[in-house]
Amino acid sequence: MRLEIILEQEEDGRYSVHCPALKGCHSQGETREEALENIQEAIELYLEVVNEKAVKVVRQQPRSNVIELAV
C-alpha cells in the first residue's frame, strides 16, 4: 500500500508530517528522517486500530465473514 504524506518544516526547525488519506494521522520529529519514521509508525498503528474496529463490527453480523487480505 502506498500513501502520500505531507512533510513540513516548522519555524523552529522541527518537522511535522501527516497523511491526508487517514484523518487525524499526524506525527512530528526533530529531523526529517525522524518525522518520516514516526509517521510510518503512526500509519501502521492507525491502520491496525481501524482494522480491529472494523473486524469487531463485522463479526457481529451473522452473514459476514472476515477474510485477511495482504496489500
PDB file of N, CA and C in Angstrom:
ATOM      1  N   MET A   1       0.849  -1.165   0.000  1.00  0.00           N
ATOM      2  CA  MET A   1       0.000   0.000   0.000  1.00  0.00           C
ATOM      3  C   MET A   1       0.901   1.236   0.000  1.00  0.00           C
ATOM      4  N   ARG A   2       0.549   2.189  -0.795  1.00  0.00           N
ATOM      5  CA  ARG A   2       1.304   3.434  -0.863  1.00  0.00           C
ATOM      6  C   ARG A   2       0.374   4.581  -0.488  1.00  0.00           C
ATOM      7  N   LEU A   3       0.847   5.430   0.414  1.00  0.00           N
ATOM      8  CA  LEU A   3       0.070   6.588   0.850  1.00  0.00           C
ATOM      9  C   LEU A   3       0.929   7.836   0.720  1.00  0.00           C
ATOM     10  N   GLU A   4       0.310   8.918   0.320  1.00  0.00           N
ATOM     11  CA  GLU A   4       1.027  10.187   0.265  1.00  0.00           C
ATOM     12  C   GLU A   4       0.989  10.841   1.631  1.00  0.00           C
ATOM     13  N   ILE A   5       2.091  11.499   1.984  1.00  0.00           N
ATOM     14  CA  ILE A   5       2.161  12.232   3.239  1.00  0.00           C
ATOM     15  C   ILE A   5       2.604  13.656   2.944  1.00  0.00           C
ATOM     16  N   ILE A   6       2.330  14.532   3.877  1.00  0.00           N
ATOM     17  CA  ILE A   6       2.746  15.932   3.770  1.00  0.00           C
ATOM     18  C   ILE A   6       3.779  16.177   4.871  1.00  0.00           C
ATOM     19  N   LEU A   7       4.975  16.588   4.472  1.00  0.00           N
ATOM     20  CA  LEU A   7       6.066  16.874   5.390  1.00  0.00           C
ATOM     21  C   LEU A   7       6.358  18.361   5.340  1.00  0.00           C
ATOM     22  N   GLU A   8       6.333  19.017   6.498  1.00  0.00           N
ATOM     23  CA  GLU A   8       6.563  20.461   6.561  1.00  0.00           C
ATOM     24  C   GLU A   8       7.602  20.778   7.625  1.00  0.00           C
ATOM     25  N   GLN A   9       8.519  21.675   7.290  1.00  0.00           N
ATOM     26  CA  GLN A   9       9.477  22.126   8.291  1.00  0.00           C
ATOM     27  C   GLN A   9       8.875  23.317   9.025  1.00  0.00           C
ATOM     28  N   GLU A  10       8.879  23.242  10.339  1.00  0.00           N
ATOM     29  CA  GLU A  10       8.319  24.291  11.174  1.00  0.00           C
ATOM     30  C   GLU A  10       9.350  25.406  11.368  1.00  0.00           C
ATOM     31  N   GLU A  11       8.914  26.538  11.881  1.00  0.00           N
ATOM     32  CA  GLU A  11       9.801  27.682  12.107  1.00  0.00           C
ATOM     33  C   GLU A  11      10.947  27.357  13.052  1.00  0.00           C
ATOM     34  N   ASP A  12      10.703  26.446  14.000  1.00  0.00           N
ATOM     35  CA  ASP A  12      11.744  26.081  14.962  1.00  0.00           C
ATOM     36  C   ASP A  12      12.710  25.018  14.427  1.00  0.00           C
ATOM     37  N   GLY A  13      12.550  24.625  13.165  1.00  0.00           N
ATOM     38  CA  GLY A  13      13.436  23.653  12.545  1.00  0.00           C
ATOM     39  C   GLY A  13      12.948  22.220  12.622  1.00  0.00           C
ATOM     40  N   ARG A  14      11.975  21.957  13.475  1.00  0.00           N
ATOM     41  CA  ARG A  14      11.417  20.613  13.577  1.00  0.00           C
ATOM     42  C   ARG A  14      10.512  20.346  12.372  1.00  0.00           C
ATOM     43  N   TYR A  15      10.086  19.097  12.234  1.00  0.00           N
ATOM     44  CA  TYR A  15       9.238  18.712  11.116  1.00  0.00           C
ATOM     45  C   TYR A  15       7.908  18.172  11.620  1.00  0.00           C
ATOM     46  N   SER A  16       6.857  18.548  10.936  1.00  0.00           N
ATOM     47  CA  SER A  16       5.542  17.955  11.182  1.00  0.00           C
ATOM     48  C   SER A  16       5.143  17.207   9.915  1.00  0.00           C
ATOM     49  N   VAL A  17       4.379  16.167  10.102  1.00  0.00           N
ATOM     50  CA  VAL A  17       4.015  15.318   8.969  1.00  0.00           C
ATOM     51  C   VAL A  17       2.622  14.739   9.226  1.00  0.00           C
ATOM     52  N   HIS A  18       1.842  14.627   8.157  1.00  0.00           N
ATOM     53  CA  HIS A  18       0.533  13.996   8.281  1.00  0.00           C
ATOM     54  C   HIS A  18       0.170  13.276   6.993  1.00  0.00           C
ATOM     55  N   CYS A  19      -0.786  12.370   7.123  1.00  0.00           N
ATOM     56  CA  CYS A  19      -1.266  11.583   5.991  1.00  0.00           C
ATOM     57  C   CYS A  19      -2.705  12.009   5.704  1.00  0.00           C
ATOM     58  N   PRO A  20      -2.933  12.778   4.635  1.00  0.00           N
ATOM     59  CA  PRO A  20      -4.284  13.279   4.341  1.00  0.00           C
ATOM     60  C   PRO A  20      -5.334  12.176   4.172  1.00  0.00           C
ATOM     61  N   ALA A  21      -4.931  10.999   3.715  1.00  0.00           N
ATOM     62  CA  ALA A  21      -5.884   9.908   3.492  1.00  0.00           C
ATOM     63  C   ALA A  21      -6.393   9.304   4.795  1.00  0.00           C
ATOM     64  N   LEU A  22      -5.651   9.533   5.893  1.00  0.00           N
ATOM     65  CA  LEU A  22      -6.018   8.960   7.179  1.00  0.00           C
ATOM     66  C   LEU A  22      -6.290  10.095   8.162  1.00  0.00           C
ATOM     67  N   LYS A  23      -7.538  10.473   8.277  1.00  0.00           N
ATOM     68  CA  LYS A  23      -7.937  11.614   9.097  1.00  0.00           C
ATOM     69  C   LYS A  23      -7.378  11.492  10.522  1.00  0.00           C
ATOM     70  N   GLY A  24      -6.664  12.520  10.944  1.00  0.00           N
ATOM     71  CA  GLY A  24      -6.123  12.550  12.289  1.00  0.00           C
ATOM     72  C   GLY A  24      -4.787  11.851  12.457  1.00  0.00           C
ATOM     73  N   CYS A  25      -4.214  11.359  11.374  1.00  0.00           N
ATOM     74  CA  CYS A  25      -2.927  10.652  11.455  1.00  0.00           C
ATOM     75  C   CYS A  25      -1.804  11.663  11.248  1.00  0.00           C
ATOM     76  N   HIS A  26      -1.215  12.099  12.361  1.00  0.00           N
ATOM     77  CA  HIS A  26      -0.181  13.128  12.367  1.00  0.00           C
ATOM     78  C   HIS A  26       1.012  12.651  13.173  1.00  0.00           C
ATOM     79  N   SER A  27       2.169  13.242  12.913  1.00  0.00           N
ATOM     80  CA  SER A  27       3.336  13.000  13.747  1.00  0.00           C
ATOM     81  C   SER A  27       4.301  14.154  13.567  1.00  0.00           C
ATOM     82  N   GLN A  28       5.473  14.019  14.187  1.00  0.00           N
ATOM     83  CA  GLN A  28       6.486  15.069  14.094  1.00  0.00           C
ATOM     84  C   GLN A  28       7.844  14.461  14.397  1.00  0.00           C
ATOM     85  N   GLY A  29       8.887  15.258  14.228  1.00  0.00           N
ATOM     86  CA  GLY A  29      10.219  14.800  14.559  1.00  0.00           C
ATOM     87  C   GLY A  29      11.205  15.943  14.577  1.00  0.00           C
ATOM     88  N   GLU A  30      12.303  15.731  15.266  1.00  0.00           N
ATOM     89  CA  GLU A  30      13.370  16.733  15.326  1.00  0.00           C
ATOM     90  C   GLU A  30      14.057  16.883  13.969  1.00  0.00           C
ATOM     91  N   THR A  31      14.147  15.769  13.231  1.00  0.00           N
ATOM     92  CA  THR A  31      14.761  15.773  11.904  1.00  0.00           C
ATOM     93  C   THR A  31      13.761  15.237  10.896  1.00  0.00           C
ATOM     94  N   ARG A  32      14.083  15.422   9.619  1.00  0.00           N
ATOM     95  CA  ARG A  32      13.237  14.909   8.538  1.00  0.00           C
ATOM     96  C   ARG A  32      13.106  13.386   8.665  1.00  0.00           C
ATOM     97  N   GLU A  33      14.242  12.719   8.890  1.00  0.00           N
ATOM     98  CA  GLU A  33      14.265  11.264   8.990  1.00  0.00           C
ATOM     99  C   GLU A  33      13.424  10.769  10.164  1.00  0.00           C
ATOM    100  N   GLU A  34      13.553  11.461  11.309  1.00  0.00           N
ATOM    101  CA  GLU A  34      12.772  11.067  12.483  1.00  0.00           C
ATOM    102  C   GLU A  34      11.278  11.257  12.225  1.00  0.00           C
ATOM    103  N   ALA A  35      10.906  12.341  11.579  1.00  0.00           N
ATOM    104  CA  ALA A  35       9.494  12.585  11.263  1.00  0.00           C
ATOM    105  C   ALA A  35       8.947  11.500  10.334  1.00  0.00           C
ATOM    106  N   LEU A  36       9.752  11.088   9.359  1.00  0.00           N
ATOM    107  CA  LEU A  36       9.306  10.043   8.436  1.00  0.00           C
ATOM    108  C   LEU A  36       9.172   8.693   9.139  1.00  0.00           C
ATOM    109  N   GLU A  37      10.094   8.385  10.027  1.00  0.00           N
ATOM    110  CA  GLU A  37       9.988   7.147  10.807  1.00  0.00           C
ATOM    111  C   GLU A  37       8.743   7.186  11.696  1.00  0.00           C
ATOM    112  N   ASN A  38       8.507   8.335  12.305  1.00  0.00           N
ATOM    113  CA  ASN A  38       7.359   8.470  13.205  1.00  0.00           C
ATOM    114  C   ASN A  38       6.034   8.361  12.474  1.00  0.00           C
ATOM    115  N   ILE A  39       5.937   8.935  11.274  1.00  0.00           N
ATOM    116  CA  ILE A  39       4.670   8.837  10.540  1.00  0.00           C
ATOM    117  C   ILE A  39       4.456   7.421  10.038  1.00  0.00           C
ATOM    118  N   GLN A  40       5.530   6.725   9.711  1.00  0.00           N
ATOM    119  CA  GLN A  40       5.414   5.314   9.307  1.00  0.00           C
ATOM    120  C   GLN A  40       4.777   4.509  10.447  1.00  0.00           C
ATOM    121  N   GLU A  41       5.292   4.717  11.656  1.00  0.00           N
ATOM    122  CA  GLU A  41       4.746   4.015  12.815  1.00  0.00           C
ATOM    123  C   GLU A  41       3.306   4.450  13.089  1.00  0.00           C
ATOM    124  N   ALA A  42       3.030   5.739  12.978  1.00  0.00           N
ATOM    125  CA  ALA A  42       1.676   6.246  13.208  1.00  0.00           C
ATOM    126  C   ALA A  42       0.682   5.648  12.215  1.00  0.00           C
ATOM    127  N   ILE A  43       1.086   5.534  10.957  1.00  0.00           N
ATOM    128  CA  ILE A  43       0.210   4.948   9.932  1.00  0.00           C
ATOM    129  C   ILE A  43      -0.060   3.487  10.250  1.00  0.00           C
ATOM    130  N   GLU A  44       0.977   2.740  10.601  1.00  0.00           N
ATOM    131  CA  GLU A  44       0.808   1.322  10.927  1.00  0.00           C
ATOM    132  C   GLU A  44      -0.153   1.145  12.102  1.00  0.00           C
ATOM    133  N   LEU A  45       0.021   1.949  13.153  1.00  0.00           N
ATOM    134  CA  LEU A  45      -0.855   1.851  14.316  1.00  0.00           C
ATOM    135  C   LEU A  45      -2.283   2.275  13.978  1.00  0.00           C
ATOM    136  N   TYR A  46      -2.421   3.332  13.194  1.00  0.00           N
ATOM    137  CA  TYR A  46      -3.737   3.823  12.776  1.00  0.00           C
ATOM    138  C   TYR A  46      -4.487   2.713  12.039  1.00  0.00           C
ATOM    139  N   LEU A  47      -3.830   2.092  11.064  1.00  0.00           N
ATOM    140  CA  LEU A  47      -4.479   1.050  10.277  1.00  0.00           C
ATOM    141  C   LEU A  47      -4.806  -0.177  11.123  1.00  0.00           C
ATOM    142  N   GLU A  48      -3.946  -0.495  12.065  1.00  0.00           N
ATOM    143  CA  GLU A  48      -4.201  -1.625  12.962  1.00  0.00           C
ATOM    144  C   GLU A  48      -5.463  -1.386  13.786  1.00  0.00           C
ATOM    145  N   VAL A  49      -5.592  -0.203  14.341  1.00  0.00           N
ATOM    146  CA  VAL A  49      -6.761   0.125  15.169  1.00  0.00           C
ATOM    147  C   VAL A  49      -8.032   0.152  14.322  1.00  0.00           C
ATOM    148  N   VAL A  50      -7.972   0.780  13.159  1.00  0.00           N
ATOM    149  CA  VAL A  50      -9.148   0.851  12.279  1.00  0.00           C
ATOM    150  C   VAL A  50      -9.579  -0.553  11.865  1.00  0.00           C
ATOM    151  N   ASN A  51      -8.607  -1.403  11.540  1.00  0.00           N
ATOM    152  CA  ASN A  51      -8.926  -2.770  11.146  1.00  0.00           C
ATOM    153  C   ASN A  51      -9.572  -3.540  12.293  1.00  0.00           C
ATOM    154  N   GLU A  52      -9.036  -3.409  13.498  1.00  0.00           N
ATOM    155  CA  GLU A  52      -9.606  -4.101  14.658  1.00  0.00           C
ATOM    156  C   GLU A  52     -11.049  -3.672  14.906  1.00  0.00           C
ATOM    157  N   LYS A  53     -11.313  -2.387  14.785  1.00  0.00           N
ATOM    158  CA  LYS A  53     -12.681  -1.889  14.978  1.00  0.00           C
ATOM    159  C   LYS A  53     -13.616  -2.441  13.909  1.00  0.00           C
ATOM    160  N   ALA A  54     -13.162  -2.457  12.663  1.00  0.00           N
ATOM    161  CA  ALA A  54     -13.996  -2.952  11.566  1.00  0.00           C
ATOM    162  C   ALA A  54     -14.297  -4.439  11.732  1.00  0.00           C
ATOM    163  N   VAL A  55     -13.291  -5.212  12.095  1.00  0.00           N
ATOM    164  CA  VAL A  55     -13.481  -6.652  12.277  1.00  0.00           C
ATOM    165  C   VAL A  55     -14.474  -6.920  13.402  1.00  0.00           C
ATOM    166  N   LYS A  56     -14.390  -6.158  14.458  1.00  0.00           N
ATOM    167  CA  LYS A  56     -15.313  -6.323  15.588  1.00  0.00           C
ATOM    168  C   LYS A  56     -16.754  -6.101  15.140  1.00  0.00           C
ATOM    169  N   VAL A  57     -16.985  -5.080  14.332  1.00  0.00           N
ATOM    170  CA  VAL A  57     -18.331  -4.785  13.838  1.00  0.00           C
ATOM    171  C   VAL A  57     -18.801  -5.890  12.901  1.00  0.00           C
ATOM    172  N   VAL A  58     -17.942  -6.324  12.001  1.00  0.00           N
ATOM    173  CA  VAL A  58     -18.318  -7.353  11.021  1.00  0.00           C
ATOM    174  C   VAL A  58     -18.646  -8.678  11.707  1.00  0.00           C
ATOM    175  N   ARG A  59     -17.894  -9.018  12.732  1.00  0.00           N
ATOM    176  CA  ARG A  59     -18.135 -10.298  13.429  1.00  0.00           C
ATOM    177  C   ARG A  59     -19.503 -10.327  14.100  1.00  0.00           C
ATOM    178  N   GLN A  60     -20.114  -9.190  14.294  1.00  0.00           N
ATOM    179  CA  GLN A  60     -21.443  -9.134  14.897  1.00  0.00           C
ATOM    180  C   GLN A  60     -22.536  -9.370  13.857  1.00  0.00           C
ATOM    181  N   GLN A  61     -22.165  -9.411  12.590  1.00  0.00           N
ATOM    182  CA  GLN A  61     -23.122  -9.633  11.510  1.00  0.00           C
ATOM    183  C   GLN A  61     -23.154 -11.134  11.193  1.00  0.00           C
ATOM    184  N   PRO A  62     -24.297 -11.784  11.329  1.00  0.00           N
ATOM    185  CA  PRO A  62     -24.374 -13.242  11.175  1.00  0.00           C
ATOM    186  C   PRO A  62     -23.992 -13.767   9.788  1.00  0.00           C
ATOM    187  N   ARG A  63     -24.148 -13.005   8.756  1.00  0.00           N
ATOM    188  CA  ARG A  63     -23.859 -13.488   7.399  1.00  0.00           C
ATOM    189  C   ARG A  63     -22.522 -12.998   6.858  1.00  0.00           C
ATOM    190  N   SER A  64     -21.716 -12.407   7.708  1.00  0.00           N
ATOM    191  CA  SER A  64     -20.446 -11.835   7.262  1.00  0.00           C
ATOM    192  C   SER A  64     -19.286 -12.723   7.658  1.00  0.00           C
ATOM    193  N   ASN A  65     -18.260 -12.712   6.826  1.00  0.00           N
ATOM    194  CA  ASN A  65     -17.036 -13.454   7.082  1.00  0.00           C
ATOM    195  C   ASN A  65     -15.866 -12.491   7.092  1.00  0.00           C
ATOM    196  N   VAL A  66     -14.916 -12.728   7.954  1.00  0.00           N
ATOM    197  CA  VAL A  66     -13.696 -11.943   7.991  1.00  0.00           C
ATOM    198  C   VAL A  66     -12.632 -12.730   7.244  1.00  0.00           C
ATOM    199  N   ILE A  67     -12.072 -12.122   6.211  1.00  0.00           N
ATOM    200  CA  ILE A  67     -11.025 -12.749   5.417  1.00  0.00           C
ATOM    201  C   ILE A  67      -9.856 -11.799   5.366  1.00  0.00           C
ATOM    202  N   GLU A  68      -8.661 -12.283   5.667  1.00  0.00           N
ATOM    203  CA  GLU A  68      -7.474 -11.424   5.674  1.00  0.00           C
ATOM    204  C   GLU A  68      -6.911 -11.319   4.265  1.00  0.00           C
ATOM    205  N   LEU A  69      -6.565 -10.097   3.864  1.00  0.00           N
ATOM    206  CA  LEU A  69      -6.010  -9.835   2.558  1.00  0.00           C
ATOM    207  C   LEU A  69      -4.782  -8.932   2.717  1.00  0.00           C
ATOM    208  N   ALA A  70      -3.649  -9.367   2.223  1.00  0.00           N
ATOM    209  CA  ALA A  70      -2.439  -8.562   2.295  1.00  0.00           C
ATOM    210  C   ALA A  70      -2.410  -7.584   1.135  1.00  0.00           C
ATOM    211  N   VAL A  71      -2.108  -6.322   1.413  1.00  0.00           N
ATOM    212  CA  VAL A  71      -1.993  -5.308   0.362  1.00  0.00           C
ATOM    213  C   VAL A  71      -0.660  -4.619   0.450  1.00  0.00           C
TER     214      VAL A  71
END
